[in-house]
Amino acid sequence: MRTPVAILISGAGTNMAALLYASRLPDNPYEIVLVASNNPDAEGLAIAQAEGIPTFAHSHKGLTRAAFDAIMDAEIRKSGAHYVALAGYMRILSDEFVEGWRDRMLNIHPSLLPKYPGLDTYARAIAAGDAHAGCTIHLVTPDLDAGPILGQAEVTITPVDTSDTLAARIRFAEHQLYPRVLADYVGRSANADWLLEQVRARALALPETHERPSHGAPGWRVGSEKSGKYFAYFADRHHGSDAIALIVKTDGMDEMMAHIDQNPDLYFKPAFYGASGWIGLTLNRPDTDWDHVTDWLAQSWRRCAPKSLTKLMDAADSF
């Protein structure tokens, strides 16, 4: 299953086209499910339509920023997109929109950030006497062009460069960089090493926990090194399964089966552990809810932790 991505544009859509055509290469982890624009006359919409990609256009004129962003957000969510790629989208986004797509919205900027956020990046790099300009892919945050950097490409500035000549070469670099970075970023959901690091950080953040392998797989225990109990395991396609999964403890078989019946795409009965009421949560999905994973780890930790660690929690629950 490939990860669905929506692209927002305002003009020619050359970076959108680079992302679209890259999405059709073998083994690419994403697909384009929507191209949307604040400009109904954006040239890039015609490219998407010619390639059979659903499009949406709505002018922002006469609308507040929040009202317009709500329209775009509703259309993106209706498309089923899990990520948003801004590709020449010339709108400052509301904080509400940005927060709604936190860690799932990427942007491309024509400078080597943190140098030259904002506009006129080519002229500013030339005026500063820089040896290189370039482009940056970053996550979108409320602060303009200040989100975590995911990738950069350098472009040499020649003595005869103007803003126009430099911009033309940087555009070539953008078309190479953006598809690769987007593929790497959304493809993390199938990367066992990355998934393990996410689980490890959350498991070890719980009180008095430590990691110890179990039958060759990572596992986490609560309590002392000598007498601690396992509360979670990481399974990478064990026993012929396609799932990269977190295995945690439930209250018993009834609870385990109820979760599986309710959402069989997420939950499963793991081999060996399932007979004791442990449940598997599939992690290699494009829409993994990491807050949900964190909650499961905390629940399982509490079921396995010694009373000396949980008595304050039990007392609080009694009120």
C-alpha atoms as a PDB file:
ATOM      1  CA  MET A   1       0.000   0.000   0.000  1.00  0.00           C
ATOM      2  CA  ARG A   2       1.433   3.341  -1.056  1.00  0.00           C
ATOM      3  CA  THR A   3       1.064   6.443   1.081  1.00  0.00           C
ATOM      4  CA  PRO A   4      -1.446   8.993  -0.257  1.00  0.00           C
ATOM      5  CA  VAL A   5      -0.123  12.550  -0.635  1.00  0.00           C
ATOM      6  CA  ALA A   6      -1.863  15.816  -1.540  1.00  0.00           C
ATOM      7  CA  ILE A   7       0.073  18.605  -3.267  1.00  0.00           C
ATOM      8  CA  LEU A   8      -0.739  22.300  -2.954  1.00  0.00           C
ATOM      9  CA  ILE A   9       0.333  24.679  -5.735  1.00  0.00           C
ATOM     10  CA  SER A  10      -0.254  28.272  -6.832  1.00  0.00           C
ATOM     11  CA  GLY A  11       1.353  28.427 -10.266  1.00  0.00           C
ATOM     12  CA  ALA A  12       3.184  26.421 -12.913  1.00  0.00           C
ATOM     13  CA  GLY A  13       3.491  23.314 -10.765  1.00  0.00           C
ATOM     14  CA  THR A  14       6.902  22.141 -11.960  1.00  0.00           C
ATOM     15  CA  ASN A  15       7.785  20.650  -8.574  1.00  0.00           C
ATOM     16  CA  MET A  16       4.318  19.101  -8.436  1.00  0.00           C
ATOM     17  CA  ALA A  17       5.009  17.471 -11.813  1.00  0.00           C
ATOM     18  CA  ALA A  18       8.372  16.163 -10.552  1.00  0.00           C
ATOM     19  CA  LEU A  19       6.629  14.603  -7.538  1.00  0.00           C
ATOM     20  CA  LEU A  20       3.827  13.197  -9.687  1.00  0.00           C
ATOM     21  CA  TYR A  21       6.044  11.485 -12.239  1.00  0.00           C
ATOM     22  CA  ALA A  22       8.406  10.185  -9.557  1.00  0.00           C
ATOM     23  CA  SER A  23       5.410   8.626  -7.814  1.00  0.00           C
ATOM     24  CA  ARG A  24       4.941   6.336 -10.816  1.00  0.00           C
ATOM     25  CA  LEU A  25       8.417   4.863 -10.675  1.00  0.00           C
ATOM     26  CA  PRO A  26       8.755   1.283  -9.398  1.00  0.00           C
ATOM     27  CA  ASP A  27       8.956   0.927  -5.604  1.00  0.00           C
ATOM     28  CA  ASN A  28       8.041   4.571  -4.949  1.00  0.00           C
ATOM     29  CA  PRO A  29       6.273   4.630  -1.564  1.00  0.00           C
ATOM     30  CA  TYR A  30       3.771   7.427  -2.248  1.00  0.00           C
ATOM     31  CA  GLU A  31       0.949   8.232  -4.655  1.00  0.00           C
ATOM     32  CA  ILE A  32      -0.586  11.611  -5.491  1.00  0.00           C
ATOM     33  CA  VAL A  33      -4.294  11.664  -4.648  1.00  0.00           C
ATOM     34  CA  LEU A  34      -4.996  15.388  -5.011  1.00  0.00           C
ATOM     35  CA  VAL A  35      -3.501  18.545  -6.502  1.00  0.00           C
ATOM     36  CA  ALA A  36      -5.162  21.639  -5.017  1.00  0.00           C
ATOM     37  CA  SER A  37      -4.635  25.347  -5.548  1.00  0.00           C
ATOM     38  CA  ASN A  38      -5.681  28.738  -4.258  1.00  0.00           C
ATOM     39  CA  ASN A  39      -5.462  29.916  -7.881  1.00  0.00           C
ATOM     40  CA  PRO A  40      -8.105  28.475 -10.251  1.00  0.00           C
ATOM     41  CA  ASP A  41      -5.899  29.540 -13.194  1.00  0.00           C
ATOM     42  CA  ALA A  42      -2.756  27.783 -11.947  1.00  0.00           C
ATOM     43  CA  GLU A  43      -1.052  26.102 -14.913  1.00  0.00           C
ATOM     44  CA  GLY A  44      -0.132  23.091 -12.830  1.00  0.00           C
ATOM     45  CA  LEU A  45      -3.769  22.061 -12.497  1.00  0.00           C
ATOM     46  CA  ALA A  46      -3.875  21.233 -16.207  1.00  0.00           C
ATOM     47  CA  ILE A  47      -0.832  18.965 -15.859  1.00  0.00           C
ATOM     48  CA  ALA A  48      -2.472  17.058 -13.013  1.00  0.00           C
ATOM     49  CA  GLN A  49      -5.766  16.776 -14.880  1.00  0.00           C
ATOM     50  CA  ALA A  50      -4.011  15.445 -17.987  1.00  0.00           C
ATOM     51  CA  GLU A  51      -2.454  12.733 -15.826  1.00  0.00           C
ATOM     52  CA  GLY A  52      -5.759  11.767 -14.255  1.00  0.00           C
ATOM     53  CA  ILE A  53      -5.045  13.238 -10.813  1.00  0.00           C
ATOM     54  CA  PRO A  54      -8.057  14.731  -8.973  1.00  0.00           C
ATOM     55  CA  THR A  55      -7.782  18.512  -8.661  1.00  0.00           C
ATOM     56  CA  PHE A  56      -9.417  21.206  -6.573  1.00  0.00           C
ATOM     57  CA  ALA A  57      -9.201  24.972  -6.912  1.00  0.00           C
ATOM     58  CA  HIS A  58     -10.699  27.725  -4.800  1.00  0.00           C
ATOM     59  CA  SER A  59      -9.734  31.387  -4.743  1.00  0.00           C
ATOM     60  CA  HIS A  60      -8.697  32.766  -1.374  1.00  0.00           C
ATOM     61  CA  LYS A  61      -9.936  36.244  -2.267  1.00  0.00           C
ATOM     62  CA  GLY A  62     -12.527  37.646   0.114  1.00  0.00           C
ATOM     63  CA  LEU A  63     -11.936  34.960   2.735  1.00  0.00           C
ATOM     64  CA  THR A  64     -10.108  35.114   6.039  1.00  0.00           C
ATOM     65  CA  ARG A  65      -6.986  33.000   6.263  1.00  0.00           C
ATOM     66  CA  ALA A  66      -8.652  30.610   8.700  1.00  0.00           C
ATOM     67  CA  ALA A  67     -11.799  30.258   6.584  1.00  0.00           C
ATOM     68  CA  PHE A  68      -9.842  29.542   3.414  1.00  0.00           C
ATOM     69  CA  ASP A  69      -7.538  27.057   5.147  1.00  0.00           C
ATOM     70  CA  ALA A  70     -10.584  25.225   6.515  1.00  0.00           C
ATOM     71  CA  ILE A  71     -11.860  24.776   2.953  1.00  0.00           C
ATOM     72  CA  MET A  72      -8.516  23.410   1.772  1.00  0.00           C
ATOM     73  CA  ASP A  73      -8.151  21.189   4.822  1.00  0.00           C
ATOM     74  CA  ALA A  74     -11.573  19.628   4.269  1.00  0.00           C
ATOM     75  CA  GLU A  75     -10.752  18.868   0.632  1.00  0.00           C
ATOM     76  CA  ILE A  76      -7.381  17.353   1.513  1.00  0.00           C
ATOM     77  CA  ARG A  77      -8.909  15.114   4.157  1.00  0.00           C
ATOM     78  CA  LYS A  78     -11.699  14.075   1.779  1.00  0.00           C
ATOM     79  CA  SER A  79      -9.014  12.900  -0.660  1.00  0.00           C
ATOM     80  CA  GLY A  80      -7.637  10.488   1.939  1.00  0.00           C
ATOM     81  CA  ALA A  81      -4.184  12.092   1.947  1.00  0.00           C
ATOM     82  CA  HIS A  82      -1.915  11.267   4.871  1.00  0.00           C
ATOM     83  CA  TYR A  83       0.712  13.873   3.938  1.00  0.00           C
ATOM     84  CA  VAL A  84       0.734  17.299   2.291  1.00  0.00           C
ATOM     85  CA  ALA A  85       3.506  18.577   0.028  1.00  0.00           C
ATOM     86  CA  LEU A  86       3.649  22.321  -0.621  1.00  0.00           C
ATOM     87  CA  ALA A  87       5.071  22.926  -4.082  1.00  0.00           C
ATOM     88  CA  GLY A  88       5.098  26.615  -4.895  1.00  0.00           C
ATOM     89  CA  TYR A  89       2.073  27.278  -2.720  1.00  0.00           C
ATOM     90  CA  MET A  90       2.183  31.025  -2.181  1.00  0.00           C
ATOM     91  CA  ARG A  91       0.084  31.265   0.945  1.00  0.00           C
ATOM     92  CA  ILE A  92       1.054  31.794   4.570  1.00  0.00           C
ATOM     93  CA  LEU A  93      -0.808  29.102   6.461  1.00  0.00           C
ATOM     94  CA  SER A  94      -2.851  29.536   9.620  1.00  0.00           C
ATOM     95  CA  ASP A  95      -1.499  27.996  12.811  1.00  0.00           C
ATOM     96  CA  GLU A  96      -4.586  25.762  12.981  1.00  0.00           C
ATOM     97  CA  PHE A  97      -3.903  24.317   9.534  1.00  0.00           C
ATOM     98  CA  VAL A  98      -0.230  23.752  10.313  1.00  0.00           C
ATOM     99  CA  GLU A  99      -0.999  22.059  13.623  1.00  0.00           C
ATOM    100  CA  GLY A 100      -3.555  19.794  11.960  1.00  0.00           C
ATOM    101  CA  TRP A 101      -0.804  18.453   9.688  1.00  0.00           C
ATOM    102  CA  ARG A 102       2.022  18.585  12.209  1.00  0.00           C
ATOM    103  CA  ASP A 103       4.963  16.421  11.069  1.00  0.00           C
ATOM    104  CA  ARG A 104       2.987  15.494   7.931  1.00  0.00           C
ATOM    105  CA  MET A 105       3.417  18.607   5.796  1.00  0.00           C
ATOM    106  CA  LEU A 106       6.564  19.344   3.777  1.00  0.00           C
ATOM    107  CA  ASN A 107       7.669  22.446   1.915  1.00  0.00           C
ATOM    108  CA  ILE A 108      10.408  23.320  -0.547  1.00  0.00           C
ATOM    109  CA  HIS A 109      12.324  26.581  -0.213  1.00  0.00           C
ATOM    110  CA  PRO A 110      14.844  28.006  -2.734  1.00  0.00           C
ATOM    111  CA  SER A 111      17.757  28.617  -0.375  1.00  0.00           C
ATOM    112  CA  LEU A 112      20.043  26.689   1.920  1.00  0.00           C
ATOM    113  CA  LEU A 113      18.085  27.312   5.088  1.00  0.00           C
ATOM    114  CA  PRO A 114      18.510  28.719   7.653  1.00  0.00           C
ATOM    115  CA  LYS A 115      19.991  31.245   5.202  1.00  0.00           C
ATOM    116  CA  TYR A 116      17.509  33.504   3.453  1.00  0.00           C
ATOM    117  CA  PRO A 117      14.040  32.558   4.611  1.00  0.00           C
ATOM    118  CA  GLY A 118      11.240  34.403   2.836  1.00  0.00           C
ATOM    119  CA  LEU A 119      11.503  35.963  -0.625  1.00  0.00           C
ATOM    120  CA  ASP A 120      14.247  37.146  -3.027  1.00  0.00           C
ATOM    121  CA  THR A 121      16.516  34.290  -2.034  1.00  0.00           C
ATOM    122  CA  TYR A 122      18.562  34.219  -5.256  1.00  0.00           C
ATOM    123  CA  ALA A 123      19.395  37.920  -5.202  1.00  0.00           C
ATOM    124  CA  ARG A 124      20.250  37.782  -1.505  1.00  0.00           C
ATOM    125  CA  ALA A 125      22.663  34.875  -1.991  1.00  0.00           C
ATOM    126  CA  ILE A 126      24.393  36.628  -4.918  1.00  0.00           C
ATOM    127  CA  ALA A 127      24.605  39.927  -3.051  1.00  0.00           C
ATOM    128  CA  ALA A 128      26.155  38.201  -0.050  1.00  0.00           C
ATOM    129  CA  GLY A 129      28.926  36.765  -2.224  1.00  0.00           C
ATOM    130  CA  ASP A 130      28.003  33.176  -1.372  1.00  0.00           C
ATOM    131  CA  ALA A 131      29.783  30.395  -3.234  1.00  0.00           C
ATOM    132  CA  HIS A 132      26.653  28.260  -3.251  1.00  0.00           C
ATOM    133  CA  ALA A 133      22.899  28.664  -3.219  1.00  0.00           C
ATOM    134  CA  GLY A 134      20.456  25.797  -3.368  1.00  0.00           C
ATOM    135  CA  CYS A 135      17.188  24.429  -2.071  1.00  0.00           C
ATOM    136  CA  THR A 136      15.832  22.915   1.129  1.00  0.00           C
ATOM    137  CA  ILE A 137      13.016  20.521   1.976  1.00  0.00           C
ATOM    138  CA  HIS A 138      11.692  21.059   5.483  1.00  0.00           C
ATOM    139  CA  LEU A 139       8.735  20.266   7.681  1.00  0.00           C
ATOM    140  CA  VAL A 140       6.207  23.060   8.003  1.00  0.00           C
ATOM    141  CA  THR A 141       5.857  24.756  11.385  1.00  0.00           C
ATOM    142  CA  PRO A 142       4.069  27.964  12.414  1.00  0.00           C
ATOM    143  CA  ASP A 143       7.357  29.879  12.060  1.00  0.00           C
ATOM    144  CA  LEU A 144       7.991  30.694   8.401  1.00  0.00           C
ATOM    145  CA  ASP A 145      10.680  28.510   6.762  1.00  0.00           C
ATOM    146  CA  ALA A 146      11.919  27.401  10.189  1.00  0.00           C
ATOM    147  CA  GLY A 147      10.828  23.757  10.407  1.00  0.00           C
ATOM    148  CA  PRO A 148      13.216  20.791  10.740  1.00  0.00           C
ATOM    149  CA  ILE A 149      15.344  20.330   7.610  1.00  0.00           C
ATOM    150  CA  LEU A 150      14.895  17.005   5.802  1.00  0.00           C
ATOM    151  CA  GLY A 151      17.223  17.530   2.850  1.00  0.00           C
ATOM    152  CA  GLN A 152      19.248  20.090   0.886  1.00  0.00           C
ATOM    153  CA  ALA A 153      20.953  20.385  -2.498  1.00  0.00           C
ATOM    154  CA  GLU A 154      23.727  22.880  -3.255  1.00  0.00           C
ATOM    155  CA  VAL A 155      24.019  24.806  -6.538  1.00  0.00           C
ATOM    156  CA  THR A 156      27.191  26.728  -7.398  1.00  0.00           C
ATOM    157  CA  ILE A 157      26.881  30.482  -7.916  1.00  0.00           C
ATOM    158  CA  THR A 158      28.959  31.565 -10.920  1.00  0.00           C
ATOM    159  CA  PRO A 159      30.482  35.055 -11.345  1.00  0.00           C
ATOM    160  CA  VAL A 160      28.010  35.886 -14.134  1.00  0.00           C
ATOM    161  CA  ASP A 161      24.866  34.627 -12.409  1.00  0.00           C
ATOM    162  CA  THR A 162      21.760  36.758 -12.180  1.00  0.00           C
ATOM    163  CA  SER A 163      18.704  35.941 -10.118  1.00  0.00           C
ATOM    164  CA  ASP A 164      17.081  34.441 -13.213  1.00  0.00           C
ATOM    165  CA  THR A 165      19.981  32.222 -14.259  1.00  0.00           C
ATOM    166  CA  LEU A 166      20.556  30.992 -10.724  1.00  0.00           C
ATOM    167  CA  ALA A 167      16.842  30.313 -10.239  1.00  0.00           C
ATOM    168  CA  ALA A 168      16.763  28.198 -13.397  1.00  0.00           C
ATOM    169  CA  ARG A 169      19.553  25.917 -12.157  1.00  0.00           C
ATOM    170  CA  ILE A 170      18.149  25.676  -8.661  1.00  0.00           C
ATOM    171  CA  ARG A 171      14.864  24.535 -10.176  1.00  0.00           C
ATOM    172  CA  PHE A 172      16.679  21.522 -11.672  1.00  0.00           C
ATOM    173  CA  ALA A 173      18.013  20.705  -8.212  1.00  0.00           C
ATOM    174  CA  GLU A 174      14.538  21.063  -6.701  1.00  0.00           C
ATOM    175  CA  HIS A 175      13.106  18.533  -9.145  1.00  0.00           C
ATOM    176  CA  GLN A 176      15.746  16.006  -8.097  1.00  0.00           C
ATOM    177  CA  LEU A 177      15.616  16.648  -4.366  1.00  0.00           C
ATOM    178  CA  TYR A 178      11.919  16.895  -3.550  1.00  0.00           C
ATOM    179  CA  PRO A 179      10.785  13.461  -4.832  1.00  0.00           C
ATOM    180  CA  ARG A 180      13.671  11.725  -3.093  1.00  0.00           C
ATOM    181  CA  VAL A 181      13.130  13.449   0.251  1.00  0.00           C
ATOM    182  CA  LEU A 182       9.371  12.938   0.159  1.00  0.00           C
ATOM    183  CA  ALA A 183       9.840   9.246  -0.660  1.00  0.00           C
ATOM    184  CA  ASP A 184      12.336   8.811   2.168  1.00  0.00           C
ATOM    185  CA  TYR A 185      10.113  10.627   4.646  1.00  0.00           C
ATOM    186  CA  VAL A 186       6.826   8.867   3.944  1.00  0.00           C
ATOM    187  CA  GLY A 187       8.663   5.563   3.446  1.00  0.00           C
ATOM    188  CA  ARG A 188       9.698   5.496   7.105  1.00  0.00           C
ATOM    189  CA  SER A 189       6.436   3.663   7.840  1.00  0.00           C
ATOM    190  CA  ALA A 190       7.930   0.556   6.224  1.00  0.00           C
ATOM    191  CA  ASN A 191      11.435   0.962   7.680  1.00  0.00           C
ATOM    192  CA  ALA A 192      11.932  -1.447  10.580  1.00  0.00           C
ATOM    193  CA  ASP A 193      14.943   0.432  11.967  1.00  0.00           C
ATOM    194  CA  TRP A 194      13.038   3.724  12.104  1.00  0.00           C
ATOM    195  CA  LEU A 195       9.965   2.078  13.624  1.00  0.00           C
ATOM    196  CA  LEU A 196      12.129   0.397  16.265  1.00  0.00           C
ATOM    197  CA  GLU A 197      13.670   3.733  17.257  1.00  0.00           C
ATOM    198  CA  GLN A 198      10.191   5.252  17.694  1.00  0.00           C
ATOM    199  CA  VAL A 199       9.093   2.396  19.952  1.00  0.00           C
ATOM    200  CA  ARG A 200      12.388   2.318  21.854  1.00  0.00           C
ATOM    201  CA  ALA A 201      12.264   6.023  22.705  1.00  0.00           C
ATOM    202  CA  ARG A 202       8.705   5.746  24.001  1.00  0.00           C
ATOM    203  CA  ALA A 203       9.289   2.553  25.973  1.00  0.00           C
ATOM    204  CA  LEU A 204      12.437   3.808  27.686  1.00  0.00           C
ATOM    205  CA  ALA A 205      10.737   7.097  28.587  1.00  0.00           C
ATOM    206  CA  LEU A 206       8.535   5.187  31.051  1.00  0.00           C
ATOM    207  CA  PRO A 207       9.730   4.918  34.676  1.00  0.00           C
ATOM    208  CA  GLU A 208      12.334   2.268  35.613  1.00  0.00           C
ATOM    209  CA  THR A 209      12.481   0.579  32.241  1.00  0.00           C
ATOM    210  CA  HIS A 210      15.321  -1.085  30.407  1.00  0.00           C
ATOM    211  CA  GLU A 211      15.790  -2.969  27.153  1.00  0.00           C
ATOM    212  CA  ARG A 212      16.676  -6.639  26.951  1.00  0.00           C
ATOM    213  CA  PRO A 213      16.457  -8.895  23.875  1.00  0.00           C
ATOM    214  CA  SER A 214      13.942 -11.742  24.001  1.00  0.00           C
ATOM    215  CA  HIS A 215      14.487 -14.621  21.585  1.00  0.00           C
ATOM    216  CA  GLY A 216      16.620 -12.291  19.471  1.00  0.00           C
ATOM    217  CA  ALA A 217      14.052  -9.486  19.300  1.00  0.00           C
ATOM    218  CA  PRO A 218      14.064  -6.192  21.206  1.00  0.00           C
ATOM    219  CA  GLY A 219      12.010  -6.190  24.394  1.00  0.00           C
ATOM    220  CA  TRP A 220      11.457  -3.777  27.270  1.00  0.00           C
ATOM    221  CA  ARG A 221      11.107  -4.569  30.953  1.00  0.00           C
ATOM    222  CA  VAL A 222       9.938  -2.623  33.961  1.00  0.00           C
ATOM    223  CA  GLY A 223      11.573  -3.082  37.349  1.00  0.00           C
ATOM    224  CA  SER A 224      15.069  -4.150  38.282  1.00  0.00           C
ATOM    225  CA  GLU A 225      17.539  -5.766  35.911  1.00  0.00           C
ATOM    226  CA  LYS A 226      17.194  -8.985  37.895  1.00  0.00           C
ATOM    227  CA  SER A 227      13.454  -9.258  38.477  1.00  0.00           C
ATOM    228  CA  GLY A 228      11.902  -6.902  35.931  1.00  0.00           C
ATOM    229  CA  LYS A 229       8.992  -8.035  33.773  1.00  0.00           C
ATOM    230  CA  TYR A 230       8.594  -7.588  30.046  1.00  0.00           C
ATOM    231  CA  PHE A 231       5.842  -5.145  29.092  1.00  0.00           C
ATOM    232  CA  ALA A 232       6.540  -4.784  25.348  1.00  0.00           C
ATOM    233  CA  TYR A 233       8.254  -6.510  22.442  1.00  0.00           C
ATOM    234  CA  PHE A 234       9.172  -5.430  18.915  1.00  0.00           C
ATOM    235  CA  ALA A 235       8.445  -7.935  16.165  1.00  0.00           C
ATOM    236  CA  ASP A 236       9.861  -7.515  12.662  1.00  0.00           C
ATOM    237  CA  ARG A 237       7.801  -9.817  10.431  1.00  0.00           C
ATOM    238  CA  HIS A 238       8.070 -12.713  12.857  1.00  0.00           C
ATOM    239  CA  HIS A 239       6.714 -16.191  12.111  1.00  0.00           C
ATOM    240  CA  GLY A 240       5.956 -15.386   8.464  1.00  0.00           C
ATOM    241  CA  SER A 241       3.861 -12.301   9.236  1.00  0.00           C
ATOM    242  CA  ASP A 242       4.055  -9.197   7.035  1.00  0.00           C
ATOM    243  CA  ALA A 243       3.632  -6.980  10.083  1.00  0.00           C
ATOM    244  CA  ILE A 244       6.308  -4.932  11.802  1.00  0.00           C
ATOM    245  CA  ALA A 245       4.598  -4.720  15.160  1.00  0.00           C
ATOM    246  CA  LEU A 246       4.556  -3.722  18.785  1.00  0.00           C
ATOM    247  CA  ILE A 247       3.405  -6.500  21.095  1.00  0.00           C
ATOM    248  CA  VAL A 248       1.862  -5.422  24.390  1.00  0.00           C
ATOM    249  CA  LYS A 249      -0.115  -6.958  27.226  1.00  0.00           C
ATOM    250  CA  THR A 250      -3.908  -6.752  27.496  1.00  0.00           C
ATOM    251  CA  ASP A 251      -6.153  -7.724  30.413  1.00  0.00           C
ATOM    252  CA  GLY A 252      -6.758 -11.083  28.787  1.00  0.00           C
ATOM    253  CA  MET A 253      -8.085 -12.961  25.793  1.00  0.00           C
ATOM    254  CA  ASP A 254     -11.492 -11.254  25.807  1.00  0.00           C
ATOM    255  CA  GLU A 255      -9.985  -7.783  25.550  1.00  0.00           C
ATOM    256  CA  MET A 256      -7.468  -8.916  22.944  1.00  0.00           C
ATOM    257  CA  MET A 257     -10.140 -10.472  20.707  1.00  0.00           C
ATOM    258  CA  ALA A 258     -12.458  -7.479  21.112  1.00  0.00           C
ATOM    259  CA  HIS A 259      -9.761  -5.150  19.778  1.00  0.00           C
ATOM    260  CA  ILE A 260      -8.989  -7.497  16.880  1.00  0.00           C
ATOM    261  CA  ASP A 261     -12.658  -7.834  15.960  1.00  0.00           C
ATOM    262  CA  GLN A 262     -13.101  -4.065  16.064  1.00  0.00           C
ATOM    263  CA  ASN A 263     -10.034  -3.212  13.948  1.00  0.00           C
ATOM    264  CA  PRO A 264      -8.395  -6.227  12.270  1.00  0.00           C
ATOM    265  CA  ASP A 265      -6.233  -3.997  10.054  1.00  0.00           C
ATOM    266  CA  LEU A 266      -4.466  -2.634  13.132  1.00  0.00           C
ATOM    267  CA  TYR A 267      -4.568  -5.463  15.674  1.00  0.00           C
ATOM    268  CA  PHE A 268      -3.717  -9.145  15.440  1.00  0.00           C
ATOM    269  CA  LYS A 269      -3.109 -12.144  17.659  1.00  0.00           C
ATOM    270  CA  PRO A 270       0.657 -12.681  17.648  1.00  0.00           C
ATOM    271  CA  ALA A 271       2.174 -16.124  17.437  1.00  0.00           C
ATOM    272  CA  PHE A 272       3.363 -17.488  20.812  1.00  0.00           C
ATOM    273  CA  TYR A 273       2.442 -14.330  22.788  1.00  0.00           C
ATOM    274  CA  GLY A 274      -1.209 -14.289  21.767  1.00  0.00           C
ATOM    275  CA  ALA A 275      -2.066 -17.357  23.799  1.00  0.00           C
ATOM    276  CA  SER A 276      -1.248 -15.359  26.938  1.00  0.00           C
ATOM    277  CA  GLY A 277      -3.404 -12.365  26.043  1.00  0.00           C
ATOM    278  CA  TRP A 278      -0.757 -10.215  24.379  1.00  0.00           C
ATOM    279  CA  ILE A 279      -1.829  -8.253  21.299  1.00  0.00           C
ATOM    280  CA  GLY A 280       0.039  -7.098  18.207  1.00  0.00           C
ATOM    281  CA  LEU A 281      -0.248  -3.542  16.868  1.00  0.00           C
ATOM    282  CA  THR A 282       0.810  -3.259  13.243  1.00  0.00           C
ATOM    283  CA  LEU A 283       3.259  -0.361  12.868  1.00  0.00           C
ATOM    284  CA  ASN A 284       4.159  -0.519   9.164  1.00  0.00           C
ATOM    285  CA  ARG A 285       1.114   1.474   8.086  1.00  0.00           C
ATOM    286  CA  PRO A 286       1.040   4.913   6.454  1.00  0.00           C
ATOM    287  CA  ASP A 287      -1.247   6.269   9.183  1.00  0.00           C
ATOM    288  CA  THR A 288       0.299   4.942  12.395  1.00  0.00           C
ATOM    289  CA  ASP A 289      -0.997   6.932  15.356  1.00  0.00           C
ATOM    290  CA  TRP A 290       2.029   7.325  17.612  1.00  0.00           C
ATOM    291  CA  ASP A 291      -0.002   8.810  20.444  1.00  0.00           C
ATOM    292  CA  HIS A 292      -2.032   5.591  20.383  1.00  0.00           C
ATOM    293  CA  VAL A 293       1.169   3.527  20.455  1.00  0.00           C
ATOM    294  CA  THR A 294       2.400   5.581  23.423  1.00  0.00           C
ATOM    295  CA  ASP A 295      -0.882   4.945  25.257  1.00  0.00           C
ATOM    296  CA  TRP A 296      -0.608   1.194  24.690  1.00  0.00           C
ATOM    297  CA  LEU A 297       2.952   1.137  25.994  1.00  0.00           C
ATOM    298  CA  ALA A 298       1.848   2.994  29.129  1.00  0.00           C
ATOM    299  CA  GLN A 299      -1.078   0.607  29.687  1.00  0.00           C
ATOM    300  CA  SER A 300       1.108  -2.455  29.244  1.00  0.00           C
ATOM    301  CA  TRP A 301       3.811  -0.962  31.493  1.00  0.00           C
ATOM    302  CA  ARG A 302       1.222  -0.432  34.215  1.00  0.00           C
ATOM    303  CA  ARG A 303      -0.040  -4.009  33.959  1.00  0.00           C
ATOM    304  CA  CYS A 304       3.483  -5.346  34.417  1.00  0.00           C
ATOM    305  CA  ALA A 305       5.045  -2.808  36.809  1.00  0.00           C
ATOM    306  CA  PRO A 306       5.609  -3.653  40.479  1.00  0.00           C
ATOM    307  CA  LYS A 307       3.059  -2.273  42.941  1.00  0.00           C
ATOM    308  CA  SER A 308       5.661   0.087  44.367  1.00  0.00           C
ATOM    309  CA  LEU A 309       5.555   1.982  41.066  1.00  0.00           C
ATOM    310  CA  THR A 310       1.807   1.894  40.450  1.00  0.00           C
ATOM    311  CA  LYS A 311       0.357   2.488  43.921  1.00  0.00           C
ATOM    312  CA  LEU A 312       0.182   6.269  43.457  1.00  0.00           C
ATOM    313  CA  MET A 313      -1.603   5.766  40.137  1.00  0.00           C
ATOM    314  CA  ASP A 314      -4.024   3.314  41.769  1.00  0.00           C
ATOM    315  CA  ALA A 315      -4.740   5.805  44.543  1.00  0.00           C
ATOM    316  CA  ALA A 316      -5.432   8.567  42.015  1.00  0.00           C
ATOM    317  CA  ASP A 317      -7.796   6.305  40.086  1.00  0.00           C
ATOM    318  CA  SER A 318      -9.840   5.661  43.225  1.00  0.00           C
ATOM    319  CA  PHE A 319     -10.981   9.281  43.413  1.00  0.00           C
END
